[in-house]
Amino acid sequence: MTSTIKLILLSFVILSSNILYCQNKSDAVKHTKGTDLSYVSIGINYINDAVYLGRKDSITAPYLYPSITYYNKSGFYATGSLSYLTKSDENRVDLFLGTIGYDFTSKKFSGDISFTKYFFNSDSYNVISEVEADLTATLRYDFDIIETSISLTSFFNKNSGSDMFLSSEISHDFITINKDFQISPSIGVYFGSQNFYEQYYIYNRFGSERTTGSGSGQGSGGSGSGQGTGQGTGGSTTTTTTTTTTLVLEESEKFGLMAIEFSLPVWYINKPFIISLSPTFVIPQNPATLTVDSEVYKEDLETTFYWIAGISYRF
């Protein structure tokens, strides 16, 4: 792939390691190698449901999210975006996020380190809505036939300890002769802990007035109102006006396989515009075991198909 095409793709490659969501960090980008230009890119994307490593709420969370990125030829960049929840009975801005990072290249090696700060709406039911920030480092190597990448991410959560994620991905680029169309089939394997997920159950699924077991793919549990108190490590407590209930997610501290993903990102370039579509099929692993008081529930995770589409403009 030429440096020009890689430069263009910088503005709109979605979820290179899916620590990105899913739209959760959907404006993360696969950076150019050896570009000598600085630029600004603006775009608007749509995701049909917020999915993170196969985890999602029982209520769909479709987002429309505009973003703006400034990339400096030195490798430093900054991105800002907001996510508007388009579900008919929920219309609101659900998330603001900002990212700063640095991208570097050395022959066939390239890498990236970034810090992202999240500002979720207090009513958000996104599965990572209890995450305040993340720090991500990525290293890639281009074998010509395939490109491999490995990423290490740390989540900093509001009410519990941090989470650590390790992701690996293999992809191959098919590019037309005139270089205006590209398709990059990818396979990713993701490992991590689930403190963030325990906090999501406490403060959103379990702590809301919805029944934890409603919907598909999320297992079952208790119900209650009010907000949880206490820490996510080893269990937490939710207090209502009449009862105090303890919830524990056994896998919260364990580091294990979380998901296998198959994606087929596609780009069409008509300068200065880029149109993209990224369909993804995710097979979640390591379902949670929830203990609510003395009741034990095994989560019933299901395979999920979701997609992201959008358009961007670079100048």
C-alpha atoms as a PDB file:
ATOM      1  CA  MET A   1       0.000   0.000   0.000  1.00  0.00           C
ATOM      2  CA  THR A   2       1.438   3.408  -0.925  1.00  0.00           C
ATOM      3  CA  SER A   3       2.090   6.075   1.691  1.00  0.00           C
ATOM      4  CA  THR A   4      -0.634   8.231   0.089  1.00  0.00           C
ATOM      5  CA  ILE A   5      -3.292   5.583   0.610  1.00  0.00           C
ATOM      6  CA  LYS A   6      -2.106   4.989   4.166  1.00  0.00           C
ATOM      7  CA  LEU A   7      -2.298   8.700   4.835  1.00  0.00           C
ATOM      8  CA  ILE A   8      -5.885   8.809   3.618  1.00  0.00           C
ATOM      9  CA  LEU A   9      -6.851   5.786   5.657  1.00  0.00           C
ATOM     10  CA  LEU A  10      -5.485   7.433   8.813  1.00  0.00           C
ATOM     11  CA  SER A  11      -8.524   9.661   8.935  1.00  0.00           C
ATOM     12  CA  PHE A  12     -11.071   6.879   8.903  1.00  0.00           C
ATOM     13  CA  VAL A  13      -9.918   3.383   9.778  1.00  0.00           C
ATOM     14  CA  ILE A  14     -12.353   2.212  12.423  1.00  0.00           C
ATOM     15  CA  LEU A  15     -11.554  -0.125  15.270  1.00  0.00           C
ATOM     16  CA  SER A  16      -8.153  -1.355  14.272  1.00  0.00           C
ATOM     17  CA  SER A  17      -8.108  -3.384  17.473  1.00  0.00           C
ATOM     18  CA  ASN A  18     -11.767  -2.991  18.472  1.00  0.00           C
ATOM     19  CA  ILE A  19     -10.812  -1.331  21.679  1.00  0.00           C
ATOM     20  CA  LEU A  20     -12.916   0.372  19.924  1.00  0.00           C
ATOM     21  CA  TYR A  21     -16.277  -0.683  19.720  1.00  0.00           C
ATOM     22  CA  CYS A  22     -17.500  -1.137  19.147  1.00  0.00           C
ATOM     23  CA  GLN A  23     -18.024   2.605  18.980  1.00  0.00           C
ATOM     24  CA  ASN A  24     -16.671   2.847  22.453  1.00  0.00           C
ATOM     25  CA  LYS A  25     -13.494   4.127  20.962  1.00  0.00           C
ATOM     26  CA  SER A  26     -14.604   4.006  17.407  1.00  0.00           C
ATOM     27  CA  ASP A  27     -12.567   6.988  16.297  1.00  0.00           C
ATOM     28  CA  ALA A  28      -9.318   5.235  17.027  1.00  0.00           C
ATOM     29  CA  VAL A  29      -7.283   5.148  13.843  1.00  0.00           C
ATOM     30  CA  LYS A  30      -4.669   3.098  12.072  1.00  0.00           C
ATOM     31  CA  HIS A  31      -1.946   5.609  11.503  1.00  0.00           C
ATOM     32  CA  THR A  32       0.085   6.394   8.448  1.00  0.00           C
ATOM     33  CA  LYS A  33       3.632   5.213   7.987  1.00  0.00           C
ATOM     34  CA  GLY A  34       6.159   7.866   7.118  1.00  0.00           C
ATOM     35  CA  THR A  35       3.799  10.671   6.090  1.00  0.00           C
ATOM     36  CA  ASP A  36       5.317  14.134   5.782  1.00  0.00           C
ATOM     37  CA  LEU A  37       2.008  16.002   5.841  1.00  0.00           C
ATOM     38  CA  SER A  38      -0.141  17.498   8.582  1.00  0.00           C
ATOM     39  CA  TYR A  39      -3.901  17.626   8.127  1.00  0.00           C
ATOM     40  CA  VAL A  40      -7.370  17.835   9.656  1.00  0.00           C
ATOM     41  CA  SER A  41     -10.058  15.221   9.080  1.00  0.00           C
ATOM     42  CA  ILE A  42     -13.760  15.506   9.897  1.00  0.00           C
ATOM     43  CA  GLY A  43     -16.233  12.666   9.655  1.00  0.00           C
ATOM     44  CA  ILE A  44     -19.593  11.307  10.705  1.00  0.00           C
ATOM     45  CA  ASN A  45     -20.183   7.623  11.483  1.00  0.00           C
ATOM     46  CA  TYR A  46     -23.072   5.405  12.489  1.00  0.00           C
ATOM     47  CA  ILE A  47     -23.002   2.165  14.479  1.00  0.00           C
ATOM     48  CA  ASN A  48     -26.137   0.053  14.734  1.00  0.00           C
ATOM     49  CA  ASP A  49     -25.388  -1.160  18.287  1.00  0.00           C
ATOM     50  CA  ALA A  50     -22.705  -0.511  20.898  1.00  0.00           C
ATOM     51  CA  VAL A  51     -20.812  -3.785  21.308  1.00  0.00           C
ATOM     52  CA  TYR A  52     -17.595  -4.308  23.248  1.00  0.00           C
ATOM     53  CA  LEU A  53     -15.846  -7.687  22.946  1.00  0.00           C
ATOM     54  CA  GLY A  54     -19.223  -9.319  22.385  1.00  0.00           C
ATOM     55  CA  ARG A  55     -20.764  -7.622  25.435  1.00  0.00           C
ATOM     56  CA  LYS A  56     -23.776  -5.372  24.954  1.00  0.00           C
ATOM     57  CA  ASP A  57     -26.814  -4.143  26.816  1.00  0.00           C
ATOM     58  CA  SER A  58     -30.163  -5.892  26.401  1.00  0.00           C
ATOM     59  CA  ILE A  59     -31.428  -2.623  24.879  1.00  0.00           C
ATOM     60  CA  THR A  60     -29.794  -1.700  21.576  1.00  0.00           C
ATOM     61  CA  ALA A  61     -27.607   1.419  21.564  1.00  0.00           C
ATOM     62  CA  PRO A  62     -27.340   2.838  18.015  1.00  0.00           C
ATOM     63  CA  TYR A  63     -25.030   5.859  17.801  1.00  0.00           C
ATOM     64  CA  LEU A  64     -24.470   8.662  15.324  1.00  0.00           C
ATOM     65  CA  TYR A  65     -21.106  10.222  16.047  1.00  0.00           C
ATOM     66  CA  PRO A  66     -19.292  13.091  14.373  1.00  0.00           C
ATOM     67  CA  SER A  67     -15.558  13.425  14.961  1.00  0.00           C
ATOM     68  CA  ILE A  68     -12.630  15.678  14.160  1.00  0.00           C
ATOM     69  CA  THR A  69      -8.946  14.699  14.069  1.00  0.00           C
ATOM     70  CA  TYR A  70      -5.799  16.785  13.767  1.00  0.00           C
ATOM     71  CA  TYR A  71      -2.688  14.895  12.694  1.00  0.00           C
ATOM     72  CA  ASN A  72       0.735  16.525  12.797  1.00  0.00           C
ATOM     73  CA  LYS A  73       3.476  15.262  10.501  1.00  0.00           C
ATOM     74  CA  SER A  74       5.660  14.723  13.579  1.00  0.00           C
ATOM     75  CA  GLY A  75       3.305  11.871  14.597  1.00  0.00           C
ATOM     76  CA  PHE A  76       1.314  13.637  17.294  1.00  0.00           C
ATOM     77  CA  TYR A  77      -2.465  13.712  16.875  1.00  0.00           C
ATOM     78  CA  ALA A  78      -5.666  14.609  18.698  1.00  0.00           C
ATOM     79  CA  THR A  79      -9.246  13.446  18.163  1.00  0.00           C
ATOM     80  CA  GLY A  80     -12.547  14.585  19.615  1.00  0.00           C
ATOM     81  CA  SER A  81     -16.019  13.141  19.104  1.00  0.00           C
ATOM     82  CA  LEU A  82     -19.495  12.917  20.569  1.00  0.00           C
ATOM     83  CA  SER A  83     -21.949  10.027  20.375  1.00  0.00           C
ATOM     84  CA  TYR A  84     -25.631  10.756  19.896  1.00  0.00           C
ATOM     85  CA  LEU A  85     -27.948   7.932  20.920  1.00  0.00           C
ATOM     86  CA  THR A  86     -30.536   7.686  18.145  1.00  0.00           C
ATOM     87  CA  LYS A  87     -32.939   5.216  19.750  1.00  0.00           C
ATOM     88  CA  SER A  88     -36.405   6.794  19.494  1.00  0.00           C
ATOM     89  CA  ASP A  89     -37.140   6.890  23.221  1.00  0.00           C
ATOM     90  CA  GLU A  90     -33.597   7.798  24.303  1.00  0.00           C
ATOM     91  CA  ASN A  91     -32.488  10.667  22.016  1.00  0.00           C
ATOM     92  CA  ARG A  92     -29.513  12.316  23.717  1.00  0.00           C
ATOM     93  CA  VAL A  93     -25.784  12.892  23.582  1.00  0.00           C
ATOM     94  CA  ASP A  94     -24.531   9.802  25.395  1.00  0.00           C
ATOM     95  CA  LEU A  95     -20.769  10.281  25.271  1.00  0.00           C
ATOM     96  CA  PHE A  96     -18.019  12.806  24.667  1.00  0.00           C
ATOM     97  CA  LEU A  97     -14.479  11.524  24.255  1.00  0.00           C
ATOM     98  CA  GLY A  98     -11.092  13.011  23.511  1.00  0.00           C
ATOM     99  CA  THR A  99      -7.895  11.243  22.456  1.00  0.00           C
ATOM    100  CA  ILE A 100      -4.290  12.391  22.236  1.00  0.00           C
ATOM    101  CA  GLY A 101      -1.564  10.168  20.885  1.00  0.00           C
ATOM    102  CA  TYR A 102       1.694   9.657  19.080  1.00  0.00           C
ATOM    103  CA  ASP A 103       2.312   7.512  16.004  1.00  0.00           C
ATOM    104  CA  PHE A 104       5.718   6.269  14.861  1.00  0.00           C
ATOM    105  CA  THR A 105       7.209   4.213  12.030  1.00  0.00           C
ATOM    106  CA  SER A 106      10.445   2.322  11.480  1.00  0.00           C
ATOM    107  CA  LYS A 107      10.615   0.498   8.153  1.00  0.00           C
ATOM    108  CA  LYS A 108       7.964  -2.249   8.337  1.00  0.00           C
ATOM    109  CA  PHE A 109       7.282  -1.606  12.009  1.00  0.00           C
ATOM    110  CA  SER A 110       4.767   0.984  13.116  1.00  0.00           C
ATOM    111  CA  GLY A 111       3.271   1.773  16.473  1.00  0.00           C
ATOM    112  CA  ASP A 112       0.981   4.044  18.384  1.00  0.00           C
ATOM    113  CA  ILE A 113       0.424   5.129  21.978  1.00  0.00           C
ATOM    114  CA  SER A 114      -2.695   7.042  22.987  1.00  0.00           C
ATOM    115  CA  PHE A 115      -4.711   8.241  25.963  1.00  0.00           C
ATOM    116  CA  THR A 116      -8.506   8.594  25.785  1.00  0.00           C
ATOM    117  CA  LYS A 117     -10.810  10.325  28.262  1.00  0.00           C
ATOM    118  CA  TYR A 118     -14.526   9.392  28.330  1.00  0.00           C
ATOM    119  CA  PHE A 119     -17.433  11.569  29.506  1.00  0.00           C
ATOM    120  CA  PHE A 120     -20.578   9.414  29.612  1.00  0.00           C
ATOM    121  CA  ASN A 121     -24.081  10.702  30.207  1.00  0.00           C
ATOM    122  CA  SER A 122     -25.278   9.659  33.661  1.00  0.00           C
ATOM    123  CA  ASP A 123     -28.163   7.764  32.007  1.00  0.00           C
ATOM    124  CA  SER A 124     -25.921   5.806  29.659  1.00  0.00           C
ATOM    125  CA  TYR A 125     -26.366   2.031  29.498  1.00  0.00           C
ATOM    126  CA  ASN A 126     -23.286   1.479  27.351  1.00  0.00           C
ATOM    127  CA  VAL A 127     -21.338  -1.553  28.627  1.00  0.00           C
ATOM    128  CA  ILE A 128     -18.245   0.595  29.207  1.00  0.00           C
ATOM    129  CA  SER A 129     -20.126   3.520  30.769  1.00  0.00           C
ATOM    130  CA  GLU A 130     -18.238   3.069  34.063  1.00  0.00           C
ATOM    131  CA  VAL A 131     -14.868   3.553  32.335  1.00  0.00           C
ATOM    132  CA  GLU A 132     -13.281   6.977  32.810  1.00  0.00           C
ATOM    133  CA  ALA A 133     -10.186   6.681  30.619  1.00  0.00           C
ATOM    134  CA  ASP A 134      -7.899   4.266  28.823  1.00  0.00           C
ATOM    135  CA  LEU A 135      -4.249   4.052  27.828  1.00  0.00           C
ATOM    136  CA  THR A 136      -3.418   2.025  24.711  1.00  0.00           C
ATOM    137  CA  ALA A 137      -0.165   0.969  23.055  1.00  0.00           C
ATOM    138  CA  THR A 138      -0.121  -0.770  19.657  1.00  0.00           C
ATOM    139  CA  LEU A 139       2.668  -2.330  17.611  1.00  0.00           C
ATOM    140  CA  ARG A 140       2.228  -3.451  13.990  1.00  0.00           C
ATOM    141  CA  TYR A 141       4.412  -5.265  11.484  1.00  0.00           C
ATOM    142  CA  ASP A 142       3.802  -5.416   7.743  1.00  0.00           C
ATOM    143  CA  PHE A 143       4.769  -8.778   6.220  1.00  0.00           C
ATOM    144  CA  ASP A 144       3.528  -7.555   2.796  1.00  0.00           C
ATOM    145  CA  ILE A 145       1.157 -10.517   2.460  1.00  0.00           C
ATOM    146  CA  ILE A 146      -0.382  -9.897   5.869  1.00  0.00           C
ATOM    147  CA  GLU A 147      -0.169  -7.234   8.525  1.00  0.00           C
ATOM    148  CA  THR A 148      -0.149  -8.197  12.183  1.00  0.00           C
ATOM    149  CA  SER A 149      -0.827  -6.038  15.200  1.00  0.00           C
ATOM    150  CA  ILE A 150      -0.796  -6.409  18.965  1.00  0.00           C
ATOM    151  CA  SER A 151      -2.296  -3.931  21.419  1.00  0.00           C
ATOM    152  CA  LEU A 152      -2.186  -3.526  25.191  1.00  0.00           C
ATOM    153  CA  THR A 153      -4.923  -1.404  26.789  1.00  0.00           C
ATOM    154  CA  SER A 154      -5.622  -0.413  30.371  1.00  0.00           C
ATOM    155  CA  PHE A 155      -9.093   0.741  31.445  1.00  0.00           C
ATOM    156  CA  PHE A 156      -9.361   3.122  34.403  1.00  0.00           C
ATOM    157  CA  ASN A 157     -12.789   2.537  35.949  1.00  0.00           C
ATOM    158  CA  LYS A 158     -14.873   4.800  38.183  1.00  0.00           C
ATOM    159  CA  ASN A 159     -15.676   2.425  41.006  1.00  0.00           C
ATOM    160  CA  SER A 160     -13.194  -0.426  40.782  1.00  0.00           C
ATOM    161  CA  GLY A 161      -9.635  -1.296  39.893  1.00  0.00           C
ATOM    162  CA  SER A 162      -8.324  -1.058  36.369  1.00  0.00           C
ATOM    163  CA  ASP A 163      -8.707  -3.658  33.612  1.00  0.00           C
ATOM    164  CA  MET A 164      -6.005  -4.899  31.261  1.00  0.00           C
ATOM    165  CA  PHE A 165      -6.640  -6.073  27.691  1.00  0.00           C
ATOM    166  CA  LEU A 166      -4.389  -7.766  25.167  1.00  0.00           C
ATOM    167  CA  SER A 167      -5.558  -7.893  21.566  1.00  0.00           C
ATOM    168  CA  SER A 168      -4.003  -9.357  18.444  1.00  0.00           C
ATOM    169  CA  GLU A 169      -5.114  -9.011  14.839  1.00  0.00           C
ATOM    170  CA  ILE A 170      -4.165 -10.347  11.421  1.00  0.00           C
ATOM    171  CA  SER A 171      -5.352  -8.630   8.253  1.00  0.00           C
ATOM    172  CA  HIS A 172      -4.718  -8.529   4.518  1.00  0.00           C
ATOM    173  CA  ASP A 173      -5.340  -5.598   2.161  1.00  0.00           C
ATOM    174  CA  PHE A 174      -6.898  -5.980  -1.279  1.00  0.00           C
ATOM    175  CA  ILE A 175      -6.558  -2.737  -3.287  1.00  0.00           C
ATOM    176  CA  THR A 176      -7.758  -1.935  -6.787  1.00  0.00           C
ATOM    177  CA  ILE A 177      -5.272  -0.818  -9.441  1.00  0.00           C
ATOM    178  CA  ASN A 178      -6.460   2.782  -9.329  1.00  0.00           C
ATOM    179  CA  LYS A 179      -6.298   2.615  -5.513  1.00  0.00           C
ATOM    180  CA  ASP A 180      -9.776   3.997  -4.917  1.00  0.00           C
ATOM    181  CA  PHE A 181     -11.232   0.850  -3.341  1.00  0.00           C
ATOM    182  CA  GLN A 182      -9.872  -1.328  -0.545  1.00  0.00           C
ATOM    183  CA  ILE A 183     -11.121  -4.313   1.426  1.00  0.00           C
ATOM    184  CA  SER A 184      -9.205  -5.662   4.426  1.00  0.00           C
ATOM    185  CA  PRO A 185     -10.525  -8.917   5.928  1.00  0.00           C
ATOM    186  CA  SER A 186      -9.328  -9.251   9.533  1.00  0.00           C
ATOM    187  CA  ILE A 187      -9.333 -11.734  12.386  1.00  0.00           C
ATOM    188  CA  GLY A 188      -8.848 -10.594  15.968  1.00  0.00           C
ATOM    189  CA  VAL A 189      -8.438 -12.404  19.302  1.00  0.00           C
ATOM    190  CA  TYR A 190      -8.981 -10.481  22.549  1.00  0.00           C
ATOM    191  CA  PHE A 191      -8.041 -11.202  26.168  1.00  0.00           C
ATOM    192  CA  GLY A 192      -8.822  -9.205  29.296  1.00  0.00           C
ATOM    193  CA  SER A 193     -10.353  -8.846  32.743  1.00  0.00           C
ATOM    194  CA  GLN A 194     -13.925  -7.792  33.490  1.00  0.00           C
ATOM    195  CA  ASN A 195     -13.979  -5.249  36.325  1.00  0.00           C
ATOM    196  CA  PHE A 196     -15.610  -2.772  33.937  1.00  0.00           C
ATOM    197  CA  TYR A 197     -18.339  -5.315  33.194  1.00  0.00           C
ATOM    198  CA  GLU A 198     -19.089  -5.973  36.851  1.00  0.00           C
ATOM    199  CA  GLN A 199     -19.488  -2.227  37.388  1.00  0.00           C
ATOM    200  CA  TYR A 200     -21.776  -2.004  34.361  1.00  0.00           C
ATOM    201  CA  TYR A 201     -24.038  -4.685  35.894  1.00  0.00           C
ATOM    202  CA  ILE A 202     -24.085  -2.937  39.266  1.00  0.00           C
ATOM    203  CA  TYR A 203     -24.706   0.624  38.117  1.00  0.00           C
ATOM    204  CA  ASN A 204     -26.681   0.018  34.909  1.00  0.00           C
ATOM    205  CA  ARG A 205     -28.219  -3.439  34.563  1.00  0.00           C
ATOM    206  CA  PHE A 206     -28.670  -4.342  38.206  1.00  0.00           C
ATOM    207  CA  GLY A 207     -28.826  -0.829  39.629  1.00  0.00           C
ATOM    208  CA  SER A 208     -31.499   0.345  37.212  1.00  0.00           C
ATOM    209  CA  GLU A 209     -35.208  -0.421  37.274  1.00  0.00           C
ATOM    210  CA  ARG A 210     -34.788  -2.911  34.450  1.00  0.00           C
ATOM    211  CA  THR A 211     -34.642  -6.652  35.100  1.00  0.00           C
ATOM    212  CA  THR A 212     -31.087  -7.899  34.686  1.00  0.00           C
ATOM    213  CA  GLY A 213     -32.203 -10.974  32.787  1.00  0.00           C
ATOM    214  CA  SER A 214     -34.173  -9.140  30.105  1.00  0.00           C
ATOM    215  CA  GLY A 215     -33.141  -9.196  26.488  1.00  0.00           C
ATOM    216  CA  SER A 216     -30.861 -11.604  24.708  1.00  0.00           C
ATOM    217  CA  GLY A 217     -27.263 -12.519  25.257  1.00  0.00           C
ATOM    218  CA  GLN A 218     -26.925 -11.048  28.729  1.00  0.00           C
ATOM    219  CA  GLY A 219     -27.940 -13.779  31.113  1.00  0.00           C
ATOM    220  CA  SER A 220     -30.141 -13.223  34.117  1.00  0.00           C
ATOM    221  CA  GLY A 221     -29.933 -11.702  37.537  1.00  0.00           C
ATOM    222  CA  GLY A 222     -31.851  -9.658  40.054  1.00  0.00           C
ATOM    223  CA  SER A 223     -33.534  -6.345  39.691  1.00  0.00           C
ATOM    224  CA  GLY A 224     -33.504  -3.252  41.808  1.00  0.00           C
ATOM    225  CA  SER A 225     -33.486   0.496  41.840  1.00  0.00           C
ATOM    226  CA  GLY A 226     -31.021   3.050  43.015  1.00  0.00           C
ATOM    227  CA  GLN A 227     -27.267   3.114  42.510  1.00  0.00           C
ATOM    228  CA  GLY A 228     -24.658   0.673  43.693  1.00  0.00           C
ATOM    229  CA  THR A 229     -22.159   1.430  46.421  1.00  0.00           C
ATOM    230  CA  GLY A 230     -18.859  -0.157  47.213  1.00  0.00           C
ATOM    231  CA  GLN A 231     -16.056  -1.442  45.005  1.00  0.00           C
ATOM    232  CA  GLY A 232     -16.079  -3.865  42.082  1.00  0.00           C
ATOM    233  CA  THR A 233     -13.239  -6.065  43.314  1.00  0.00           C
ATOM    234  CA  GLY A 234     -14.676  -9.209  44.843  1.00  0.00           C
ATOM    235  CA  GLY A 235     -18.263  -7.986  44.730  1.00  0.00           C
ATOM    236  CA  SER A 236     -20.339  -4.890  45.321  1.00  0.00           C
ATOM    237  CA  THR A 237     -23.483  -3.869  47.136  1.00  0.00           C
ATOM    238  CA  THR A 238     -26.621  -2.213  45.788  1.00  0.00           C
ATOM    239  CA  THR A 239     -28.940  -0.544  48.280  1.00  0.00           C
ATOM    240  CA  THR A 240     -32.662   0.042  47.764  1.00  0.00           C
ATOM    241  CA  THR A 241     -35.183   1.601  50.110  1.00  0.00           C
ATOM    242  CA  THR A 242     -35.980  -1.794  51.664  1.00  0.00           C
ATOM    243  CA  THR A 243     -33.115  -4.194  50.968  1.00  0.00           C
ATOM    244  CA  THR A 244     -29.373  -4.434  50.556  1.00  0.00           C
ATOM    245  CA  THR A 245     -28.204  -6.817  47.846  1.00  0.00           C
ATOM    246  CA  THR A 246     -24.709  -8.037  47.050  1.00  0.00           C
ATOM    247  CA  LEU A 247     -23.605  -8.738  43.488  1.00  0.00           C
ATOM    248  CA  VAL A 248     -20.407 -10.520  42.501  1.00  0.00           C
ATOM    249  CA  LEU A 249     -19.099 -11.236  39.009  1.00  0.00           C
ATOM    250  CA  GLU A 250     -16.666 -14.093  39.486  1.00  0.00           C
ATOM    251  CA  GLU A 251     -14.592 -13.334  36.380  1.00  0.00           C
ATOM    252  CA  SER A 252     -14.049  -9.629  37.187  1.00  0.00           C
ATOM    253  CA  GLU A 253     -10.392 -10.065  38.218  1.00  0.00           C
ATOM    254  CA  LYS A 254      -9.551 -12.980  35.930  1.00  0.00           C
ATOM    255  CA  PHE A 255      -7.526 -12.418  32.771  1.00  0.00           C
ATOM    256  CA  GLY A 256      -8.895 -14.642  30.033  1.00  0.00           C
ATOM    257  CA  LEU A 257     -10.117 -14.985  26.468  1.00  0.00           C
ATOM    258  CA  MET A 258     -13.014 -12.576  25.878  1.00  0.00           C
ATOM    259  CA  ALA A 259     -13.805 -12.614  22.169  1.00  0.00           C
ATOM    260  CA  ILE A 260     -12.896 -13.737  18.664  1.00  0.00           C
ATOM    261  CA  GLU A 261     -13.843 -11.338  15.885  1.00  0.00           C
ATOM    262  CA  PHE A 262     -14.112 -11.490  12.118  1.00  0.00           C
ATOM    263  CA  SER A 263     -14.436  -8.185  10.293  1.00  0.00           C
ATOM    264  CA  LEU A 264     -14.480  -7.006   6.690  1.00  0.00           C
ATOM    265  CA  PRO A 265     -13.659  -3.267   6.547  1.00  0.00           C
ATOM    266  CA  VAL A 266     -14.243  -1.664   3.140  1.00  0.00           C
ATOM    267  CA  TRP A 267     -13.214   1.806   1.928  1.00  0.00           C
ATOM    268  CA  TYR A 268     -14.058   3.777  -1.181  1.00  0.00           C
ATOM    269  CA  ILE A 269     -11.943   6.874  -1.841  1.00  0.00           C
ATOM    270  CA  ASN A 270     -13.090   9.787  -3.966  1.00  0.00           C
ATOM    271  CA  LYS A 271     -10.779  12.577  -2.856  1.00  0.00           C
ATOM    272  CA  PRO A 272     -11.230  14.380  -0.591  1.00  0.00           C
ATOM    273  CA  PHE A 273     -13.996  12.049   0.638  1.00  0.00           C
ATOM    274  CA  ILE A 274     -13.711   8.554   2.070  1.00  0.00           C
ATOM    275  CA  ILE A 275     -16.717   6.262   2.457  1.00  0.00           C
ATOM    276  CA  SER A 276     -16.366   3.227   4.696  1.00  0.00           C
ATOM    277  CA  LEU A 277     -18.280   0.207   5.922  1.00  0.00           C
ATOM    278  CA  SER A 278     -17.076  -2.187   8.618  1.00  0.00           C
ATOM    279  CA  PRO A 279     -19.280  -5.256   9.235  1.00  0.00           C
ATOM    280  CA  THR A 280     -18.140  -7.363  12.186  1.00  0.00           C
ATOM    281  CA  PHE A 281     -19.075 -10.793  13.506  1.00  0.00           C
ATOM    282  CA  VAL A 282     -18.006 -11.360  17.110  1.00  0.00           C
ATOM    283  CA  ILE A 283     -18.006 -14.599  19.098  1.00  0.00           C
ATOM    284  CA  PRO A 284     -17.832 -13.742  22.826  1.00  0.00           C
ATOM    285  CA  GLN A 285     -15.981 -16.048  25.192  1.00  0.00           C
ATOM    286  CA  ASN A 286     -15.777 -16.546  28.963  1.00  0.00           C
ATOM    287  CA  PRO A 287     -19.370 -15.633  29.951  1.00  0.00           C
ATOM    288  CA  ALA A 288     -19.814 -14.120  33.382  1.00  0.00           C
ATOM    289  CA  THR A 289     -21.052 -15.966  36.454  1.00  0.00           C
ATOM    290  CA  LEU A 290     -23.159 -13.589  38.561  1.00  0.00           C
ATOM    291  CA  THR A 291     -23.963 -14.176  42.210  1.00  0.00           C
ATOM    292  CA  VAL A 292     -26.831 -12.041  43.503  1.00  0.00           C
ATOM    293  CA  ASP A 293     -27.144 -12.743  47.220  1.00  0.00           C
ATOM    294  CA  SER A 294     -27.348 -16.558  47.230  1.00  0.00           C
ATOM    295  CA  GLU A 295     -28.627 -16.856  43.661  1.00  0.00           C
ATOM    296  CA  VAL A 296     -26.123 -17.823  40.934  1.00  0.00           C
ATOM    297  CA  TYR A 297     -26.744 -16.954  37.296  1.00  0.00           C
ATOM    298  CA  LYS A 298     -24.667 -17.936  34.274  1.00  0.00           C
ATOM    299  CA  GLU A 299     -24.602 -15.352  31.526  1.00  0.00           C
ATOM    300  CA  ASP A 300     -25.826 -16.544  28.154  1.00  0.00           C
ATOM    301  CA  LEU A 301     -23.658 -14.645  25.679  1.00  0.00           C
ATOM    302  CA  GLU A 302     -24.570 -14.906  22.016  1.00  0.00           C
ATOM    303  CA  THR A 303     -22.639 -14.296  18.823  1.00  0.00           C
ATOM    304  CA  THR A 304     -23.346 -10.811  17.487  1.00  0.00           C
ATOM    305  CA  PHE A 305     -23.245  -9.111  14.121  1.00  0.00           C
ATOM    306  CA  TYR A 306     -22.888  -5.335  14.082  1.00  0.00           C
ATOM    307  CA  TRP A 307     -21.685  -2.740  11.597  1.00  0.00           C
ATOM    308  CA  ILE A 308     -20.267   0.754  11.336  1.00  0.00           C
ATOM    309  CA  ALA A 309     -20.658   3.038   8.304  1.00  0.00           C
ATOM    310  CA  GLY A 310     -19.548   6.575   7.646  1.00  0.00           C
ATOM    311  CA  ILE A 311     -18.015   9.278   5.528  1.00  0.00           C
ATOM    312  CA  SER A 312     -15.062  11.597   6.159  1.00  0.00           C
ATOM    313  CA  TYR A 313     -13.429  14.617   4.583  1.00  0.00           C
ATOM    314  CA  ARG A 314      -9.730  15.517   4.871  1.00  0.00           C
ATOM    315  CA  PHE A 315      -8.172  18.905   4.301  1.00  0.00           C
END
